Amino acid sequence: MSHALAALLLALAGADPAGKAAAPRAAPVEGAPDGAITRLASGEEVVKLCRALEPSERLRAKGDAVALGEAALAHDRARDAATVARYEIAVPAAKLAFAPWDAAERRLLLERGGLVPLEGSTARLWPTAEAGLPVEVDAPAARRILEAKAAGRLELALVFDLPDDVTCGGGPSGKASHTLPIEPVSWRWRDGAQLLARGGAGLDRPVVTAAQGASPRVAVGDPVAGPRDARNRVLQRSPALEACYGEALRRDPAMDGVLVAELGGSAPEIAADSVGDTELSTCVKRALSGAAGAGGRVAVPIKFELVPPAQPAAAPVR
C-alpha cells in the first residue's frame, strides 16, 4: 500500500465517533509508512537487515552476466521493501547507560548519543534523531527506571523507521560495522509488563489511563474502501476485538489509536496503524479471520480508545 493511501486511511479512520474531526494519535515520522510493523526478535536479525540494506553493487554473487543481473534486481527489490518498512524491537537494558537525570527539564535519556548495543550480536542502533531517546519523568519515576535496570528487569521497546538510502556502518564512533541508523518513532521503558515511561509519538496518549479508571472502548467505522456491509461483519467480532484491547491494556494502560483492517485476501491484514503495538495488530488479525465475506477487498477502521470516568459514552461510529 502506498504511503499516501495509508496516510489517507488513518486520517479517515481518525474521525471522532460523534462525527467531529480528530487529530490522528501517535503520528509517525513524516513520509514513513503506516502499515503493519515488522518485529525484530534479536540483534542477529538486525545484522541480517544490515546485509539486506547493502547496495547491490557491493554484492559478491556468482554466475554469468544474466545470473548476476537477476541477483542484483532481486536484491534491489528486497532492499527497497526493507527501507520503507517500520520496525519494532525489544532491547534488554543491561548494556545501556543513562546520562544524569535533568532535574530542570525532568528528562532522562541515554548517554553517548543514545547508541543502543544489542546483546548477543555485533549490531547497534544509532538514533539519528531524538538522540538519547529522552523521556519526561519526575525523580521517583526516574528512580524506578534505574532500579529496574539494576535488578536486570528493564527493557526498551523501540519502534523506528529507516532514513532514506540507509546503509549500516561504523556509526559516529567508527566502531561496530553493523551500526544501523534509525529514525525513532516511539519508545517505552518497561519493567516486565509494567510501563514506566514513554517517549516520542506516544506522548499524546490519554492522560487518564485504564489503570486510573478510564473505560476502554472499541468503535468500528464505516469502510473507507469497499461495501458498507463489511462494517457489520467486523462488528460481529466485537467481543474478540474487545478482548484484544483488554490484553493490550494490561501491557500498556495508556494504549489507544486506530487500526485499519483490510479484508478480502487470503487472511486479514493491517493496512494502517497508529497504535504501534505488534501484539494488538496480531490479535486483531486473528479475531477477524474468516470475516472477509463477498465483494472483494475492504478496509475498515477500528478505533481503540480510553474514555475518562466522567465522560459520557459517545454514539457509535456510523
Foldseek 3Di string as FASTA:
>chain_A
DDQVVQVVVQQVLQADLQGHGDDFALDFDPPAHFFAAAEDEFQVVLVVLLVLQDQLVPDPDDDDPVVSVVVNVVSVVSNVVSQRHKYKYKAQCQPWAKDPQDQVQQKIFTPPQQWADTPPDLEIEHEPPCGRQMWRHHPVLVVVLVVLNVVRQKMKMWMWHADPSWHAQCPPVRHRGSYGYTHTSKMFIDRVLRTSTIDHSNPPFDPQFVVNPWDKDKFKAAWPDWDRCLSVLLVVLVVQLVVLLVVVCSSPRRFWGKWKWKAADPFITTNGDSRPDNSSRVSSRVSCGPSRDDTHIIIMMMTIGTHHPVDDDHDGHD
